[in-house]
Amino acid sequence: MREDRQVAGERLVTLDALRGFAVMGILAMNIVAFAMPEMAYVSPRAYGGETPSDIAAWALGFLLFDGKMRGLFSILFGASMLLIIDRAEASGQNPGSVHYRRMAWLAVFGLCHYFFIWWGDILFLYAAVGCIAFRFRAWEARRLIKWALGLFTIGVVLTSLFFGAQLAIASAADDPASPMAEAGREVRAEYAKIDGEVTEELALHRGPYLPILDSRLDTAINPFIGVLMTILETLPLMMLGMALFRNGFLTGAWAAADYRRTVRRWLPPGVVLTLLVGWLQWRSGFDYLVGVNAFMAWAGPGRLMMTIAYAALLVLLIQRVGASAGIARVAAAGRAAFSNYLGTSIVMTTIFYGYGIGLFGDVGRWTLYLFCIGMWAVMLLWSKPWLDHFRYGPLEWLWRSLARGTLQPMRKG
């Protein structure tokens, strides 16, 4: 049985715990981007794919984590955004003013994160897309889902056409009779530069801080390009989050049988599609063009299916052991997700970059999971004791204070 649910002020443990699992899970793929050159995230051929065990580690990450945790994070951002809008309206505040001030400061945090800490920021993307998602706040759940799936499909089609065209043109490079042969060789030449870029990236991130900062300042347009490239994935996911909050899915209001039915419906086809895309990459010898097509387009449908199934599985888990000390710690990590997300970037770049311990490019894919587990332990250990004494995580408090234009009460009691 399903029910709509409005929440006026209490904490939603299910939503908090889901956010905690998401912020922990997103590190399982981001760890590669922290520790290796950027293209290693897309293809093991670029770096960290020399042995069968490396390929197995890549395959595990691609199947279980790649895009799914980011998708869950985006869905939960949409749900949390709608929750705050609802609470602003219930308290008589102007929801637009509250929302846009929050997004403006989130954009500032995101740009600071990108330029001064790590290139893989998603906060600026969320801020920009969140401003658009606000326009759909009054839509009912069914309409949100229909439009989200429609926009997501358009995004997959457009990216498939764009990157697929590159792949088609490149396939003509070795056919002298083809009128596209010269264009194909040019496309191949562009992607062949990746190997040299990997070498440059290794040297850059094994060195001091200022050259890294200078490199990011030279690519100041990247966060804005990222919004344009991924808006038709991120906006639909946020809209799904708004819908799944409205209809009670993300707050645990559905019956267990409905969550199990969701898992049975979406997990098997999602796994099959993801395995197929992974097999295509392996069969190509992890060709860069195939890898980019897989990452940007082909894996999208399977990712979405698995993301929804993961959300249902996690809600079932939370329903079953929601009163346990473990879930309480995960929920606390979710309440402090902003602090944990940015804190992870600071810790991991300090471990891997040259201005810190300097392990960039020196740790194998399997070993990276040990760093991931260690950071999960840190999140679980600090978040709950902190929130036992304080109302918010440190960065949550700062964001809230800036958005409201006044220092917010921090200590409980």
Protein backbone atom coordinates (compact mmCIF):
# COMPACT_ATOMS: atom_id res chain seq x y z
CA MET A 1 0.00 0.00 0.00
CA ARG A 2 1.28 3.47 -0.89
CA GLU A 3 0.51 6.75 0.73
CA ASP A 4 1.44 10.38 0.21
CA ARG A 5 3.27 11.86 3.12
CA GLN A 6 3.90 15.43 4.17
CA VAL A 7 6.44 16.06 6.87
CA ALA A 8 6.47 19.29 8.79
CA GLY A 9 9.53 19.21 10.98
CA GLU A 10 10.70 15.84 12.22
CA ARG A 11 13.80 14.05 10.98
CA LEU A 12 13.12 11.37 8.40
CA VAL A 13 15.40 8.53 9.46
CA THR A 14 14.83 6.59 6.24
CA LEU A 15 15.78 9.60 4.11
CA ASP A 16 18.79 10.36 6.31
CA ALA A 17 20.01 6.75 6.18
CA LEU A 18 19.56 6.58 2.40
CA ARG A 19 21.63 9.74 2.09
CA GLY A 20 24.26 8.20 4.36
CA PHE A 21 24.51 5.09 2.19
CA ALA A 22 24.71 7.28 -0.91
CA VAL A 23 27.50 9.55 0.35
CA MET A 24 29.47 6.46 1.42
CA GLY A 25 28.75 4.59 -1.80
CA ILE A 26 29.75 7.43 -4.10
CA LEU A 27 33.29 7.14 -2.76
CA ALA A 28 33.48 3.57 -4.05
CA MET A 29 33.84 4.99 -7.58
CA ASN A 30 35.28 8.40 -6.77
CA ILE A 31 38.25 6.72 -5.11
CA VAL A 32 39.58 5.86 -8.59
CA ALA A 33 39.25 9.50 -9.66
CA PHE A 34 41.06 10.65 -6.52
CA ALA A 35 43.94 8.22 -6.94
CA MET A 36 44.45 7.90 -10.70
CA PRO A 37 44.32 10.03 -13.87
CA GLU A 38 40.82 11.15 -14.84
CA MET A 39 40.42 8.81 -17.82
CA ALA A 40 41.14 5.78 -15.60
CA TYR A 41 37.62 6.25 -14.24
CA VAL A 42 36.24 5.63 -17.73
CA SER A 43 38.67 3.02 -19.05
CA PRO A 44 41.22 0.74 -17.34
CA ARG A 45 43.31 1.02 -20.49
CA ALA A 46 44.17 4.59 -19.50
CA TYR A 47 45.68 3.54 -16.17
CA GLY A 48 45.44 0.78 -13.60
CA GLY A 49 44.36 -1.95 -16.00
CA GLU A 50 47.53 -3.94 -16.52
CA THR A 51 46.54 -7.25 -14.91
CA PRO A 52 43.45 -9.52 -14.88
CA SER A 53 42.86 -8.56 -11.24
CA ASP A 54 42.86 -4.88 -12.25
CA ILE A 55 40.26 -5.60 -14.92
CA ALA A 56 38.20 -7.56 -12.39
CA ALA A 57 38.30 -4.59 -9.99
CA TRP A 58 37.23 -2.27 -12.77
CA ALA A 59 34.39 -4.65 -13.72
CA LEU A 60 33.18 -4.86 -10.13
CA GLY A 61 33.11 -1.08 -9.81
CA PHE A 62 31.43 -0.63 -13.18
CA LEU A 63 28.73 -3.18 -12.41
CA LEU A 64 27.95 -2.32 -8.79
CA PHE A 65 28.80 1.36 -8.28
CA ASP A 66 29.48 3.38 -11.41
CA GLY A 67 26.71 5.98 -11.75
CA LYS A 68 24.38 4.18 -9.33
CA MET A 69 25.53 5.94 -6.17
CA ARG A 70 25.76 9.27 -7.97
CA GLY A 71 22.25 8.61 -9.27
CA LEU A 72 20.99 7.85 -5.76
CA PHE A 73 22.73 10.98 -4.46
CA SER A 74 20.97 13.05 -7.17
CA ILE A 75 17.58 11.49 -6.40
CA LEU A 76 18.04 12.24 -2.71
CA PHE A 77 19.09 15.81 -3.48
CA GLY A 78 15.78 16.29 -5.29
CA ALA A 79 13.87 14.79 -2.35
CA SER A 80 15.69 16.91 0.24
CA MET A 81 15.23 20.02 -1.87
CA LEU A 82 11.46 19.43 -1.95
CA LEU A 83 11.39 18.70 1.78
CA ILE A 84 13.02 22.06 2.54
CA ILE A 85 10.67 23.85 0.14
CA ASP A 86 7.66 22.23 1.84
CA ARG A 87 8.94 23.21 5.28
CA ALA A 88 9.57 26.79 4.14
CA GLU A 89 5.98 27.04 2.89
CA ALA A 90 4.62 25.46 6.08
CA SER A 91 6.47 28.03 8.20
CA GLY A 92 5.23 30.97 6.14
CA GLN A 93 8.55 31.70 4.43
CA ASN A 94 8.96 32.48 0.75
CA PRO A 95 10.03 29.10 -0.69
CA GLY A 96 11.65 30.66 -3.76
CA SER A 97 13.78 32.98 -1.66
CA VAL A 98 14.85 30.14 0.65
CA HIS A 99 15.63 27.81 -2.23
CA TYR A 100 17.56 30.19 -4.47
CA ARG A 101 19.69 31.50 -1.60
CA ARG A 102 20.61 27.91 -0.75
CA MET A 103 21.46 27.13 -4.38
CA ALA A 104 23.52 30.32 -4.78
CA TRP A 105 25.70 29.45 -1.80
CA LEU A 106 25.91 25.82 -2.90
CA ALA A 107 27.24 27.04 -6.24
CA VAL A 108 29.91 29.04 -4.40
CA PHE A 109 30.88 25.98 -2.37
CA GLY A 110 30.98 23.93 -5.55
CA LEU A 111 33.28 26.34 -7.39
CA CYS A 112 35.58 26.53 -4.37
CA HIS A 113 35.60 22.73 -4.23
CA TYR A 114 36.46 22.50 -7.93
CA PHE A 115 39.20 25.11 -7.99
CA PHE A 116 40.86 24.60 -4.62
CA ILE A 117 40.28 20.95 -3.70
CA TRP A 118 39.24 18.49 -6.43
CA TRP A 119 38.18 18.55 -10.08
CA GLY A 120 35.32 16.02 -9.61
CA ASP A 121 32.86 18.44 -7.97
CA ILE A 122 29.11 17.84 -8.29
CA LEU A 123 27.91 20.65 -5.99
CA PHE A 124 27.95 23.34 -8.69
CA LEU A 125 26.04 20.98 -10.99
CA TYR A 126 23.43 20.37 -8.29
CA ALA A 127 23.09 24.07 -7.59
CA ALA A 128 22.57 24.96 -11.24
CA VAL A 129 20.15 22.11 -11.96
CA GLY A 130 18.41 22.63 -8.61
CA CYS A 131 17.43 26.11 -9.75
CA ILE A 132 15.63 24.55 -12.72
CA ALA A 133 14.08 21.72 -10.68
CA PHE A 134 12.38 24.29 -8.44
CA ARG A 135 9.98 25.04 -11.28
CA PHE A 136 8.48 21.55 -10.92
CA ARG A 137 7.91 21.63 -7.15
CA ALA A 138 4.11 21.69 -7.39
CA TRP A 139 3.80 18.81 -9.84
CA GLU A 140 2.19 15.63 -8.57
CA ALA A 141 4.30 12.47 -8.43
CA ARG A 142 2.96 10.70 -11.51
CA ARG A 143 3.57 13.72 -13.74
CA LEU A 144 7.08 14.17 -12.36
CA ILE A 145 7.92 10.54 -13.11
CA LYS A 146 6.59 10.69 -16.68
CA TRP A 147 8.53 13.84 -17.49
CA ALA A 148 11.66 12.60 -15.75
CA LEU A 149 11.68 9.38 -17.76
CA GLY A 150 11.00 11.33 -20.95
CA LEU A 151 13.85 13.78 -20.35
CA PHE A 152 16.19 10.98 -19.33
CA THR A 153 15.39 9.11 -22.55
CA ILE A 154 16.02 12.24 -24.62
CA GLY A 155 19.36 12.64 -22.87
CA VAL A 156 20.40 9.05 -23.60
CA VAL A 157 19.36 9.39 -27.26
CA LEU A 158 21.19 12.69 -27.77
CA THR A 159 24.41 11.55 -26.12
CA SER A 160 24.24 8.24 -28.01
CA LEU A 161 23.90 10.12 -31.29
CA PHE A 162 26.71 12.56 -30.48
CA PHE A 163 29.32 10.10 -29.23
CA GLY A 164 28.04 7.32 -31.49
CA ALA A 165 28.67 9.59 -34.49
CA GLN A 166 32.29 9.93 -33.37
CA LEU A 167 32.58 6.16 -33.12
CA ALA A 168 31.03 5.68 -36.57
CA ILE A 169 33.32 8.26 -38.15
CA ALA A 170 36.39 6.77 -36.45
CA SER A 171 35.52 3.31 -37.80
CA ALA A 172 36.10 4.66 -41.32
CA ALA A 173 39.69 5.67 -40.56
CA ASP A 174 41.23 2.48 -42.01
CA ASP A 175 39.11 2.41 -45.17
CA PRO A 176 40.87 4.44 -47.89
CA ALA A 177 37.77 4.26 -50.08
CA SER A 178 35.55 5.88 -47.48
CA PRO A 179 34.83 9.61 -47.84
CA MET A 180 34.97 9.75 -44.04
CA ALA A 181 38.46 8.26 -43.78
CA GLU A 182 40.24 11.56 -43.15
CA ALA A 183 37.67 12.65 -40.58
CA GLY A 184 37.97 9.24 -38.93
CA ARG A 185 41.73 9.58 -38.64
CA GLU A 186 41.28 13.02 -37.05
CA VAL A 187 38.88 11.60 -34.46
CA ARG A 188 41.27 8.75 -33.69
CA ALA A 189 44.15 11.22 -33.41
CA GLU A 190 42.23 13.27 -30.84
CA TYR A 191 41.55 10.21 -28.68
CA ALA A 192 45.14 9.04 -29.11
CA LYS A 193 46.19 12.15 -27.18
CA ILE A 194 44.70 10.63 -24.03
CA ASP A 195 47.82 8.58 -23.35
CA GLY A 196 49.96 11.72 -23.35
CA GLU A 197 47.42 13.52 -21.18
CA VAL A 198 47.59 10.66 -18.66
CA THR A 199 51.36 11.10 -18.43
CA GLU A 200 50.96 14.85 -17.92
CA GLU A 201 48.29 14.31 -15.28
CA LEU A 202 50.52 11.92 -13.36
CA ALA A 203 53.31 14.49 -13.28
CA LEU A 204 50.93 17.29 -12.31
CA HIS A 205 49.22 15.54 -9.40
CA ARG A 206 52.45 14.10 -8.06
CA GLY A 207 53.77 17.64 -7.74
CA PRO A 208 53.10 20.70 -5.54
CA TYR A 209 49.78 22.47 -5.04
CA LEU A 210 50.19 25.69 -7.05
CA PRO A 211 50.60 24.06 -10.49
CA ILE A 212 47.47 21.99 -9.78
CA LEU A 213 45.56 25.16 -8.88
CA ASP A 214 46.88 26.91 -11.98
CA SER A 215 45.70 24.00 -14.13
CA ARG A 216 42.19 24.25 -12.69
CA LEU A 217 42.09 28.01 -13.20
CA ASP A 218 42.96 27.37 -16.85
CA THR A 219 39.91 25.11 -17.11
CA ALA A 220 37.49 27.45 -15.31
CA ILE A 221 34.81 26.74 -17.92
CA ASN A 222 34.66 23.04 -17.02
CA PRO A 223 31.98 23.26 -14.28
CA PHE A 224 29.68 25.09 -16.70
CA ILE A 225 30.36 22.59 -19.49
CA GLY A 226 29.62 19.83 -17.00
CA VAL A 227 26.15 21.28 -16.41
CA LEU A 228 25.40 21.33 -20.14
CA MET A 229 26.74 17.80 -20.64
CA THR A 230 24.81 16.17 -17.80
CA ILE A 231 21.68 18.25 -17.29
CA LEU A 232 19.48 15.67 -19.05
CA GLU A 233 20.65 13.06 -16.57
CA THR A 234 20.77 15.14 -13.38
CA LEU A 235 17.48 17.01 -13.79
CA PRO A 236 15.42 13.83 -14.40
CA LEU A 237 17.04 12.19 -11.38
CA MET A 238 16.16 15.17 -9.19
CA MET A 239 12.61 15.10 -10.53
CA LEU A 240 12.40 11.39 -9.70
CA GLY A 241 13.60 12.23 -6.20
CA MET A 242 10.86 14.82 -5.85
CA ALA A 243 8.27 12.29 -7.07
CA LEU A 244 9.52 9.46 -4.86
CA PHE A 245 9.42 11.79 -1.86
CA ARG A 246 5.90 12.89 -2.75
CA ASN A 247 4.57 9.32 -3.08
CA GLY A 248 6.30 8.05 0.07
CA PHE A 249 8.82 5.71 -1.58
CA LEU A 250 11.88 7.45 -0.11
CA THR A 251 10.38 7.93 3.33
CA GLY A 252 9.60 4.24 3.81
CA ALA A 253 5.84 4.67 3.51
CA TRP A 254 5.33 1.86 1.02
CA ALA A 255 4.64 -1.71 2.06
CA ALA A 256 7.59 -4.11 2.03
CA ALA A 257 5.97 -6.09 -0.77
CA ASP A 258 5.97 -3.00 -3.00
CA TYR A 259 9.69 -2.43 -2.43
CA ARG A 260 10.43 -6.09 -3.17
CA ARG A 261 8.36 -5.85 -6.35
CA THR A 262 10.38 -2.80 -7.38
CA VAL A 263 13.63 -4.71 -6.87
CA ARG A 264 12.39 -7.69 -8.91
CA ARG A 265 11.19 -5.42 -11.70
CA TRP A 266 14.28 -3.26 -12.14
CA LEU A 267 17.38 -5.00 -10.77
CA PRO A 268 17.61 -7.98 -13.19
CA PRO A 269 17.27 -5.95 -16.43
CA GLY A 270 19.57 -3.27 -15.02
CA VAL A 271 22.26 -5.84 -14.25
CA VAL A 272 21.91 -7.48 -17.68
CA LEU A 273 22.18 -4.15 -19.53
CA THR A 274 25.17 -3.09 -17.44
CA LEU A 275 26.92 -6.43 -18.02
CA LEU A 276 26.31 -6.06 -21.76
CA VAL A 277 27.85 -2.58 -21.82
CA GLY A 278 30.81 -3.82 -19.77
CA TRP A 279 31.29 -6.74 -22.16
CA LEU A 280 31.30 -4.37 -25.15
CA GLN A 281 34.09 -2.38 -23.54
CA TRP A 282 36.12 -5.49 -22.78
CA ARG A 283 35.58 -6.85 -26.30
CA SER A 284 36.88 -3.58 -27.80
CA GLY A 285 40.08 -3.85 -25.80
CA PHE A 286 38.84 -0.91 -23.73
CA ASP A 287 39.03 1.40 -26.72
CA TYR A 288 38.72 4.98 -25.50
CA LEU A 289 35.92 5.86 -27.92
CA VAL A 290 33.90 2.84 -26.85
CA GLY A 291 34.56 3.68 -23.19
CA VAL A 292 33.33 7.24 -23.59
CA ASN A 293 30.20 6.03 -25.40
CA ALA A 294 29.57 3.52 -22.63
CA PHE A 295 30.12 6.04 -19.84
CA MET A 296 28.16 8.93 -21.36
CA ALA A 297 25.30 7.07 -23.07
CA TRP A 298 25.03 3.29 -23.27
CA ALA A 299 25.18 2.62 -19.52
CA GLY A 300 22.43 5.14 -18.73
CA PRO A 301 19.34 2.90 -18.85
CA GLY A 302 20.95 0.14 -16.79
CA ARG A 303 22.25 2.66 -14.26
CA LEU A 304 18.79 4.14 -13.76
CA MET A 305 17.16 0.74 -13.30
CA MET A 306 19.78 -0.36 -10.78
CA THR A 307 19.64 2.96 -8.94
CA ILE A 308 15.89 2.61 -8.34
CA ALA A 309 16.36 -1.04 -7.31
CA TYR A 310 19.18 -0.08 -4.94
CA ALA A 311 16.97 2.56 -3.34
CA ALA A 312 14.23 -0.05 -2.78
CA LEU A 313 16.73 -2.57 -1.37
CA LEU A 314 18.15 0.02 1.03
CA VAL A 315 14.70 1.06 2.23
CA LEU A 316 13.93 -2.61 2.93
CA LEU A 317 17.16 -2.88 4.90
CA ILE A 318 16.39 0.28 6.86
CA GLN A 319 12.88 -0.95 7.61
CA ARG A 320 14.24 -4.24 8.91
CA VAL A 321 17.09 -2.94 11.09
CA GLY A 322 16.15 0.73 11.37
CA ALA A 323 16.42 0.73 15.17
CA SER A 324 19.97 -0.64 15.16
CA ALA A 325 23.04 1.33 16.20
CA GLY A 326 24.54 0.79 12.74
CA ILE A 327 21.65 2.45 10.92
CA ALA A 328 21.74 5.30 13.45
CA ARG A 329 25.36 5.93 12.47
CA VAL A 330 24.59 5.72 8.75
CA ALA A 331 21.70 8.16 9.22
CA ALA A 332 24.02 10.54 11.07
CA ALA A 333 26.49 10.33 8.17
CA GLY A 334 23.57 11.24 5.92
CA ARG A 335 22.59 14.22 8.04
CA ALA A 336 26.18 15.43 7.69
CA ALA A 337 26.45 14.39 4.02
CA PHE A 338 27.70 17.82 2.89
CA SER A 339 30.51 17.78 5.45
CA ASN A 340 31.31 14.16 4.66
CA TYR A 341 31.38 14.77 0.91
CA LEU A 342 33.72 17.76 1.08
CA GLY A 343 35.69 16.24 3.94
CA THR A 344 36.32 13.14 1.84
CA SER A 345 37.73 15.29 -0.96
CA ILE A 346 40.12 17.01 1.46
CA VAL A 347 41.28 13.74 3.02
CA MET A 348 41.70 11.85 -0.25
CA THR A 349 43.50 14.59 -2.15
CA THR A 350 45.84 14.98 0.83
CA ILE A 351 46.56 11.25 0.73
CA PHE A 352 47.06 10.96 -3.02
CA TYR A 353 48.29 14.32 -4.32
CA GLY A 354 51.92 15.38 -4.31
CA TYR A 355 51.43 18.16 -1.76
CA GLY A 356 50.26 15.51 0.73
CA ILE A 357 51.43 11.92 1.06
CA GLY A 358 51.81 11.63 -2.71
CA LEU A 359 50.34 8.22 -3.58
CA PHE A 360 48.79 9.37 -6.87
CA GLY A 361 49.00 6.59 -9.44
CA ASP A 362 50.87 4.27 -7.08
CA VAL A 363 47.97 2.25 -5.60
CA GLY A 364 46.24 -0.61 -7.42
CA ARG A 365 42.50 -0.72 -7.99
CA TRP A 366 41.82 -3.44 -5.42
CA THR A 367 43.93 -1.74 -2.75
CA LEU A 368 42.00 1.49 -3.25
CA TYR A 369 38.98 -0.15 -1.65
CA LEU A 370 40.92 -0.28 1.63
CA PHE A 371 41.15 3.53 1.56
CA CYS A 372 37.44 3.61 0.77
CA ILE A 373 36.59 1.39 3.75
CA GLY A 374 38.82 3.50 5.98
CA MET A 375 36.99 6.69 4.97
CA TRP A 376 33.63 5.01 5.55
CA ALA A 377 34.78 4.19 9.06
CA VAL A 378 35.71 7.83 9.63
CA MET A 379 32.27 8.99 8.46
CA LEU A 380 30.51 6.53 10.75
CA LEU A 381 32.72 7.28 13.73
CA TRP A 382 32.54 11.07 13.79
CA SER A 383 29.06 11.93 12.47
CA LYS A 384 26.86 10.57 15.26
CA PRO A 385 28.91 11.84 18.25
CA TRP A 386 29.05 15.26 16.60
CA LEU A 387 25.30 15.35 15.98
CA ASP A 388 24.62 14.16 19.53
CA HIS A 389 25.96 17.54 20.66
CA PHE A 390 25.29 19.81 17.66
CA ARG A 391 22.28 20.49 15.46
CA TYR A 392 24.14 20.29 12.15
CA GLY A 393 27.35 19.10 10.58
CA PRO A 394 30.00 21.86 10.40
CA LEU A 395 29.50 22.66 6.71
CA GLU A 396 25.74 22.19 6.95
CA TRP A 397 25.76 24.86 9.65
CA LEU A 398 27.90 27.18 7.52
CA TRP A 399 25.69 26.69 4.45
CA ARG A 400 22.53 27.29 6.49
CA SER A 401 23.97 30.40 8.15
CA LEU A 402 25.11 31.91 4.86
CA ALA A 403 21.81 31.15 3.13
CA ARG A 404 19.83 32.74 5.98
CA GLY A 405 22.20 35.68 6.40
CA THR A 406 22.65 35.11 10.13
CA LEU A 407 24.51 32.68 12.35
CA GLN A 408 22.31 29.72 13.21
CA PRO A 409 22.22 28.13 16.66
CA MET A 410 24.67 25.24 16.61
CA ARG A 411 24.85 23.56 19.99
CA LYS A 412 21.89 21.54 21.21
CA GLY A 413 20.11 22.39 24.41
